[in-house]
PDB file of N, CA and C in Angstrom:
ATOM      1  N   UNK A   1       8.651   3.315  12.678  1.00  0.00           N
ATOM      2  CA  UNK A   1       7.712   2.990  11.632  1.00  0.00           C
ATOM      3  C   UNK A   1       7.258   4.285  10.957  1.00  0.00           C
ATOM      4  N   UNK A   2       7.094   4.196   9.644  1.00  0.00           N
ATOM      5  CA  UNK A   2       6.679   5.344   8.849  1.00  0.00           C
ATOM      6  C   UNK A   2       5.372   5.022   8.133  1.00  0.00           C
ATOM      7  N   UNK A   3       4.704   6.071   7.683  1.00  0.00           N
ATOM      8  CA  UNK A   3       3.465   5.912   6.918  1.00  0.00           C
ATOM      9  C   UNK A   3       3.779   6.193   5.458  1.00  0.00           C
ATOM     10  N   UNK A   4       3.343   5.283   4.598  1.00  0.00           N
ATOM     11  CA  UNK A   4       3.571   5.414   3.159  1.00  0.00           C
ATOM     12  C   UNK A   4       2.240   5.461   2.432  1.00  0.00           C
ATOM     13  N   UNK A   5       2.196   6.214   1.347  1.00  0.00           N
ATOM     14  CA  UNK A   5       1.040   6.225   0.448  1.00  0.00           C
ATOM     15  C   UNK A   5       1.511   5.661  -0.888  1.00  0.00           C
ATOM     16  N   UNK A   6       0.886   4.575  -1.302  1.00  0.00           N
ATOM     17  CA  UNK A   6       1.239   3.915  -2.555  1.00  0.00           C
ATOM     18  C   UNK A   6       0.123   4.130  -3.570  1.00  0.00           C
ATOM     19  N   UNK A   7       0.522   4.425  -4.797  1.00  0.00           N
ATOM     20  CA  UNK A   7      -0.418   4.602  -5.901  1.00  0.00           C
ATOM     21  C   UNK A   7       0.077   3.744  -7.052  1.00  0.00           C
ATOM     22  N   UNK A   8      -0.835   3.032  -7.689  1.00  0.00           N
ATOM     23  CA  UNK A   8      -0.451   2.188  -8.817  1.00  0.00           C
ATOM     24  C   UNK A   8      -1.649   1.462  -9.383  1.00  0.00           C
ATOM     25  N   UNK A   9      -1.374   0.327 -10.010  1.00  0.00           N
ATOM     26  CA  UNK A   9      -2.447  -0.487 -10.577  1.00  0.00           C
ATOM     27  C   UNK A   9      -2.000  -1.939 -10.614  1.00  0.00           C
ATOM     28  N   UNK A  10      -2.984  -2.840 -10.730  1.00  0.00           N
ATOM     29  CA  UNK A  10      -2.691  -4.262 -10.890  1.00  0.00           C
ATOM     30  C   UNK A  10      -3.650  -4.841 -11.911  1.00  0.00           C
ATOM     31  N   UNK A  11      -3.236  -5.936 -12.501  1.00  0.00           N
ATOM     32  CA  UNK A  11      -4.017  -6.596 -13.544  1.00  0.00           C
ATOM     33  C   UNK A  11      -5.158  -7.363 -12.894  1.00  0.00           C
ATOM     34  N   UNK A  12      -6.380  -7.066 -13.317  1.00  0.00           N
ATOM     35  CA  UNK A  12      -7.572  -7.744 -12.821  1.00  0.00           C
ATOM     36  C   UNK A  12      -8.309  -8.295 -14.026  1.00  0.00           C
ATOM     37  N   UNK A  13      -8.067  -9.541 -14.355  1.00  0.00           N
ATOM     38  CA  UNK A  13      -8.660 -10.117 -15.560  1.00  0.00           C
ATOM     39  C   UNK A  13      -8.034  -9.499 -16.789  1.00  0.00           C
ATOM     40  N   UNK A  14      -8.856  -8.873 -17.626  1.00  0.00           N
ATOM     41  CA  UNK A  14      -8.349  -8.235 -18.842  1.00  0.00           C
ATOM     42  C   UNK A  14      -8.175  -6.724 -18.680  1.00  0.00           C
ATOM     43  N   UNK A  15      -8.441  -6.207 -17.496  1.00  0.00           N
ATOM     44  CA  UNK A  15      -8.337  -4.763 -17.267  1.00  0.00           C
ATOM     45  C   UNK A  15      -7.345  -4.471 -16.147  1.00  0.00           C
ATOM     46  N   UNK A  16      -6.963  -3.216 -16.046  1.00  0.00           N
ATOM     47  CA  UNK A  16      -6.117  -2.764 -14.949  1.00  0.00           C
ATOM     48  C   UNK A  16      -6.983  -2.098 -13.891  1.00  0.00           C
ATOM     49  N   UNK A  17      -6.731  -2.420 -12.641  1.00  0.00           N
ATOM     50  CA  UNK A  17      -7.461  -1.836 -11.521  1.00  0.00           C
ATOM     51  C   UNK A  17      -6.530  -0.878 -10.783  1.00  0.00           C
ATOM     52  N   UNK A  18      -6.900   0.398 -10.719  1.00  0.00           N
ATOM     53  CA  UNK A  18      -6.107   1.392 -10.001  1.00  0.00           C
ATOM     54  C   UNK A  18      -6.254   1.186  -8.500  1.00  0.00           C
ATOM     55  N   UNK A  19      -5.224   1.566  -7.747  1.00  0.00           N
ATOM     56  CA  UNK A  19      -5.312   1.533  -6.297  1.00  0.00           C
ATOM     57  C   UNK A  19      -4.522   2.682  -5.696  1.00  0.00           C
ATOM     58  N   UNK A  20      -4.928   3.048  -4.501  1.00  0.00           N
ATOM     59  CA  UNK A  20      -4.214   3.997  -3.663  1.00  0.00           C
ATOM     60  C   UNK A  20      -4.405   3.503  -2.242  1.00  0.00           C
ATOM     61  N   UNK A  21      -3.323   3.293  -1.522  1.00  0.00           N
ATOM     62  CA  UNK A  21      -3.456   2.791  -0.164  1.00  0.00           C
ATOM     63  C   UNK A  21      -2.403   3.401   0.740  1.00  0.00           C
ATOM     64  N   UNK A  22      -2.782   3.575   2.009  1.00  0.00           N
ATOM     65  CA  UNK A  22      -1.870   4.057   3.038  1.00  0.00           C
ATOM     66  C   UNK A  22      -1.531   2.873   3.926  1.00  0.00           C
ATOM     67  N   UNK A  23      -0.257   2.753   4.284  1.00  0.00           N
ATOM     68  CA  UNK A  23       0.160   1.642   5.118  1.00  0.00           C
ATOM     69  C   UNK A  23       1.323   2.039   6.000  1.00  0.00           C
ATOM     70  N   UNK A  24       1.527   1.270   7.059  1.00  0.00           N
ATOM     71  CA  UNK A  24       2.615   1.494   8.002  1.00  0.00           C
ATOM     72  C   UNK A  24       3.665   0.427   7.751  1.00  0.00           C
ATOM     73  N   UNK A  25       4.921   0.861   7.595  1.00  0.00           N
ATOM     74  CA  UNK A  25       6.011  -0.077   7.333  1.00  0.00           C
ATOM     75  C   UNK A  25       7.312   0.509   7.884  1.00  0.00           C
ATOM     76  N   UNK A  26       8.289  -0.349   8.162  1.00  0.00           N
ATOM     77  CA  UNK A  26       9.564   0.152   8.697  1.00  0.00           C
ATOM     78  C   UNK A  26      10.401   0.905   7.669  1.00  0.00           C
ATOM     79  N   UNK A  27      10.304   0.518   6.400  1.00  0.00           N
ATOM     80  CA  UNK A  27      11.073   1.186   5.348  1.00  0.00           C
ATOM     81  C   UNK A  27      10.369   0.986   4.007  1.00  0.00           C
ATOM     82  N   UNK A  28      10.951   1.543   2.953  1.00  0.00           N
ATOM     83  CA  UNK A  28      10.315   1.491   1.632  1.00  0.00           C
ATOM     84  C   UNK A  28      10.212   0.059   1.106  1.00  0.00           C
ATOM     85  N   UNK A  29      11.235  -0.751   1.332  1.00  0.00           N
ATOM     86  CA  UNK A  29      11.182  -2.149   0.887  1.00  0.00           C
ATOM     87  C   UNK A  29      10.086  -2.918   1.621  1.00  0.00           C
ATOM     88  N   UNK A  30       9.927  -2.641   2.905  1.00  0.00           N
ATOM     89  CA  UNK A  30       8.863  -3.275   3.678  1.00  0.00           C
ATOM     90  C   UNK A  30       7.486  -2.878   3.181  1.00  0.00           C
ATOM     91  N   UNK A  31       7.352  -1.613   2.773  1.00  0.00           N
ATOM     92  CA  UNK A  31       6.072  -1.139   2.233  1.00  0.00           C
ATOM     93  C   UNK A  31       5.758  -1.841   0.917  1.00  0.00           C
ATOM     94  N   UNK A  32       6.757  -1.965   0.047  1.00  0.00           N
ATOM     95  CA  UNK A  32       6.546  -2.667  -1.232  1.00  0.00           C
ATOM     96  C   UNK A  32       6.146  -4.125  -0.985  1.00  0.00           C
ATOM     97  N   UNK A  33       6.782  -4.759  -0.024  1.00  0.00           N
ATOM     98  CA  UNK A  33       6.479  -6.152   0.298  1.00  0.00           C
ATOM     99  C   UNK A  33       5.040  -6.296   0.801  1.00  0.00           C
ATOM    100  N   UNK A  34       4.588  -5.367   1.652  1.00  0.00           N
ATOM    101  CA  UNK A  34       3.215  -5.415   2.160  1.00  0.00           C
ATOM    102  C   UNK A  34       2.198  -5.238   1.040  1.00  0.00           C
ATOM    103  N   UNK A  35       2.498  -4.355   0.106  1.00  0.00           N
ATOM    104  CA  UNK A  35       1.585  -4.132  -1.020  1.00  0.00           C
ATOM    105  C   UNK A  35       1.468  -5.395  -1.861  1.00  0.00           C
ATOM    106  N   UNK A  36       2.604  -5.986  -2.202  1.00  0.00           N
ATOM    107  CA  UNK A  36       2.604  -7.208  -3.016  1.00  0.00           C
ATOM    108  C   UNK A  36       1.855  -8.330  -2.295  1.00  0.00           C
ATOM    109  N   UNK A  37       2.112  -8.479  -1.011  1.00  0.00           N
ATOM    110  CA  UNK A  37       1.472  -9.522  -0.222  1.00  0.00           C
ATOM    111  C   UNK A  37      -0.041  -9.307  -0.140  1.00  0.00           C
ATOM    112  N   UNK A  38      -0.444  -8.068   0.078  1.00  0.00           N
ATOM    113  CA  UNK A  38      -1.857  -7.733   0.209  1.00  0.00           C
ATOM    114  C   UNK A  38      -2.632  -8.042  -1.067  1.00  0.00           C
ATOM    115  N   UNK A  39      -2.155  -7.553  -2.204  1.00  0.00           N
ATOM    116  CA  UNK A  39      -2.888  -7.773  -3.453  1.00  0.00           C
ATOM    117  C   UNK A  39      -2.782  -9.219  -3.923  1.00  0.00           C
ATOM    118  N   UNK A  40      -1.709  -9.893  -3.599  1.00  0.00           N
ATOM    119  CA  UNK A  40      -1.609 -11.310  -3.923  1.00  0.00           C
ATOM    120  C   UNK A  40      -2.618 -12.126  -3.135  1.00  0.00           C
ATOM    121  N   UNK A  41      -2.766 -11.791  -1.866  1.00  0.00           N
ATOM    122  CA  UNK A  41      -3.686 -12.511  -0.998  1.00  0.00           C
ATOM    123  C   UNK A  41      -5.148 -12.198  -1.317  1.00  0.00           C
ATOM    124  N   UNK A  42      -5.480 -10.930  -1.444  1.00  0.00           N
ATOM    125  CA  UNK A  42      -6.878 -10.526  -1.638  1.00  0.00           C
ATOM    126  C   UNK A  42      -7.396 -10.756  -3.049  1.00  0.00           C
ATOM    127  N   UNK A  43      -6.537 -10.536  -4.041  1.00  0.00           N
ATOM    128  CA  UNK A  43      -6.997 -10.553  -5.428  1.00  0.00           C
ATOM    129  C   UNK A  43      -6.348 -11.638  -6.281  1.00  0.00           C
ATOM    130  N   UNK A  44      -5.415 -12.378  -5.715  1.00  0.00           N
ATOM    131  CA  UNK A  44      -4.748 -13.425  -6.478  1.00  0.00           C
ATOM    132  C   UNK A  44      -3.821 -12.887  -7.551  1.00  0.00           C
ATOM    133  N   UNK A  45      -3.392 -11.635  -7.401  1.00  0.00           N
ATOM    134  CA  UNK A  45      -2.510 -11.014  -8.394  1.00  0.00           C
ATOM    135  C   UNK A  45      -1.067 -11.453  -8.155  1.00  0.00           C
ATOM    136  N   UNK A  46      -0.386 -11.784  -9.216  1.00  0.00           N
ATOM    137  CA  UNK A  46       1.022 -12.140  -9.117  1.00  0.00           C
ATOM    138  C   UNK A  46       1.847 -10.858  -9.024  1.00  0.00           C
ATOM    139  N   UNK A  47       3.032 -10.964  -8.469  1.00  0.00           N
ATOM    140  CA  UNK A  47       3.877  -9.785  -8.274  1.00  0.00           C
ATOM    141  C   UNK A  47       4.181  -9.071  -9.580  1.00  0.00           C
ATOM    142  N   UNK A  48       4.332  -9.798 -10.649  1.00  0.00           N
ATOM    143  CA  UNK A  48       4.632  -9.155 -11.934  1.00  0.00           C
ATOM    144  C   UNK A  48       3.423  -8.411 -12.497  1.00  0.00           C
ATOM    145  N   UNK A  49       2.226  -8.664 -11.961  1.00  0.00           N
ATOM    146  CA  UNK A  49       1.011  -7.982 -12.409  1.00  0.00           C
ATOM    147  C   UNK A  49       0.724  -6.707 -11.611  1.00  0.00           C
ATOM    148  N   UNK A  50       1.536  -6.422 -10.596  1.00  0.00           N
ATOM    149  CA  UNK A  50       1.330  -5.259  -9.738  1.00  0.00           C
ATOM    150  C   UNK A  50       2.368  -4.203 -10.087  1.00  0.00           C
ATOM    151  N   UNK A  51       1.914  -2.999 -10.393  1.00  0.00           N
ATOM    152  CA  UNK A  51       2.805  -1.885 -10.717  1.00  0.00           C
ATOM    153  C   UNK A  51       2.585  -0.768  -9.706  1.00  0.00           C
ATOM    154  N   UNK A  52       3.642  -0.409  -8.995  1.00  0.00           N
ATOM    155  CA  UNK A  52       3.592   0.693  -8.042  1.00  0.00           C
ATOM    156  C   UNK A  52       4.163   1.917  -8.744  1.00  0.00           C
ATOM    157  N   UNK A  53       3.316   2.911  -9.002  1.00  0.00           N
ATOM    158  CA  UNK A  53       3.748   4.106  -9.721  1.00  0.00           C
ATOM    159  C   UNK A  53       4.435   5.103  -8.803  1.00  0.00           C
ATOM    160  N   UNK A  54       3.963   5.237  -7.574  1.00  0.00           N
ATOM    161  CA  UNK A  54       4.626   6.125  -6.622  1.00  0.00           C
ATOM    162  C   UNK A  54       4.465   5.575  -5.216  1.00  0.00           C
ATOM    163  N   UNK A  55       5.487   5.790  -4.414  1.00  0.00           N
ATOM    164  CA  UNK A  55       5.494   5.372  -3.017  1.00  0.00           C
ATOM    165  C   UNK A  55       6.154   6.501  -2.245  1.00  0.00           C
ATOM    166  N   UNK A  56       5.355   7.222  -1.467  1.00  0.00           N
ATOM    167  CA  UNK A  56       5.893   8.389  -0.773  1.00  0.00           C
ATOM    168  C   UNK A  56       5.574   8.329   0.712  1.00  0.00           C
ATOM    169  N   UNK A  57       6.451   8.903   1.506  1.00  0.00           N
ATOM    170  CA  UNK A  57       6.243   9.007   2.941  1.00  0.00           C
ATOM    171  C   UNK A  57       5.299  10.176   3.207  1.00  0.00           C
ATOM    172  N   UNK A  58       4.314   9.942   4.067  1.00  0.00           N
ATOM    173  CA  UNK A  58       3.368  11.005   4.409  1.00  0.00           C
ATOM    174  C   UNK A  58       3.300  11.154   5.922  1.00  0.00           C
ATOM    175  N   UNK A  59       2.716  12.244   6.364  1.00  0.00           N
ATOM    176  CA  UNK A  59       2.486  12.479   7.784  1.00  0.00           C
ATOM    177  C   UNK A  59       1.287  11.630   8.218  1.00  0.00           C
ATOM    178  N   UNK A  60       1.347  10.976   9.388  1.00  0.00           N
ATOM    179  CA  UNK A  60       0.227  10.129   9.821  1.00  0.00           C
ATOM    180  C   UNK A  60      -1.109  10.868   9.910  1.00  0.00           C
ATOM    181  N   UNK A  61      -1.084  12.162  10.169  1.00  0.00           N
ATOM    182  CA  UNK A  61      -2.340  12.910  10.288  1.00  0.00           C
ATOM    183  C   UNK A  61      -3.033  13.110   8.938  1.00  0.00           C
ATOM    184  N   UNK A  62      -2.333  12.886   7.825  1.00  0.00           N
ATOM    185  CA  UNK A  62      -2.924  13.027   6.491  1.00  0.00           C
ATOM    186  C   UNK A  62      -3.766  11.821   6.088  1.00  0.00           C
ATOM    187  N   UNK A  63      -3.602  10.713   6.789  1.00  0.00           N
ATOM    188  CA  UNK A  63      -4.251   9.466   6.396  1.00  0.00           C
ATOM    189  C   UNK A  63      -5.551   9.238   7.154  1.00  0.00           C
ATOM    190  N   UNK A  64      -6.516   8.637   6.463  1.00  0.00           N
ATOM    191  CA  UNK A  64      -7.763   8.231   7.112  1.00  0.00           C
ATOM    192  C   UNK A  64      -7.887   6.708   7.167  1.00  0.00           C
ATOM    193  N   UNK A  65      -6.805   5.998   6.831  1.00  0.00           N
ATOM    194  CA  UNK A  65      -6.816   4.536   6.846  1.00  0.00           C
ATOM    195  C   UNK A  65      -6.840   4.035   8.299  1.00  0.00           C
ATOM    196  N   UNK A  66      -7.724   3.105   8.620  1.00  0.00           N
ATOM    197  CA  UNK A  66      -7.828   2.608   9.990  1.00  0.00           C
ATOM    198  C   UNK A  66      -6.521   2.034  10.539  1.00  0.00           C
ATOM    199  N   UNK A  67      -5.739   1.365   9.708  1.00  0.00           N
ATOM    200  CA  UNK A  67      -4.494   0.772  10.190  1.00  0.00           C
ATOM    201  C   UNK A  67      -3.504   1.855  10.614  1.00  0.00           C
ATOM    202  N   UNK A  68      -3.492   2.973   9.932  1.00  0.00           N
ATOM    203  CA  UNK A  68      -2.593   4.080  10.281  1.00  0.00           C
ATOM    204  C   UNK A  68      -3.081   4.768  11.548  1.00  0.00           C
ATOM    205  N   UNK A  69      -4.365   5.041  11.622  1.00  0.00           N
ATOM    206  CA  UNK A  69      -4.933   5.695  12.804  1.00  0.00           C
ATOM    207  C   UNK A  69      -4.701   4.840  14.038  1.00  0.00           C
ATOM    208  N   UNK A  70      -4.910   3.549  13.923  1.00  0.00           N
ATOM    209  CA  UNK A  70      -4.715   2.635  15.044  1.00  0.00           C
ATOM    210  C   UNK A  70      -3.260   2.593  15.491  1.00  0.00           C
ATOM    211  N   UNK A  71      -2.349   2.573  14.550  1.00  0.00           N
ATOM    212  CA  UNK A  71      -0.928   2.464  14.888  1.00  0.00           C
ATOM    213  C   UNK A  71      -0.410   3.713  15.591  1.00  0.00           C
ATOM    214  N   UNK A  72      -0.891   4.881  15.191  1.00  0.00           N
ATOM    215  CA  UNK A  72      -0.405   6.140  15.752  1.00  0.00           C
ATOM    216  C   UNK A  72      -1.412   6.775  16.713  1.00  0.00           C
ATOM    217  N   UNK A  73      -2.264   5.977  17.307  1.00  0.00           N
ATOM    218  CA  UNK A  73      -3.309   6.477  18.195  1.00  0.00           C
ATOM    219  C   UNK A  73      -2.743   7.235  19.389  1.00  0.00           C
ATOM    220  N   UNK A  74      -1.701   6.725  20.017  1.00  0.00           N
ATOM    221  CA  UNK A  74      -1.161   7.324  21.238  1.00  0.00           C
ATOM    222  C   UNK A  74      -0.148   8.419  20.968  1.00  0.00           C
ATOM    223  N   UNK A  75       0.245   8.604  19.721  1.00  0.00           N
ATOM    224  CA  UNK A  75       1.292   9.596  19.425  1.00  0.00           C
ATOM    225  C   UNK A  75       0.705  10.923  19.068  1.00  0.00           C
TER     226      UNK A  75
END
């Protein structure tokens, strides 16, 4: 599993909402799928309304996201 940092925006009503999130995924396609699923579930955004501007692999120690810290706690 790798840690990814995604930066982009999604349509929220008549405006665009920026986002930056760190997540754990097996590969880049898995990370994109988690992002789409997350914003679809939480905000009701359709996949075509979500734009991922960058998706990069980062070192787990660079992240302060609880899901990343929890996943790599023993490593």
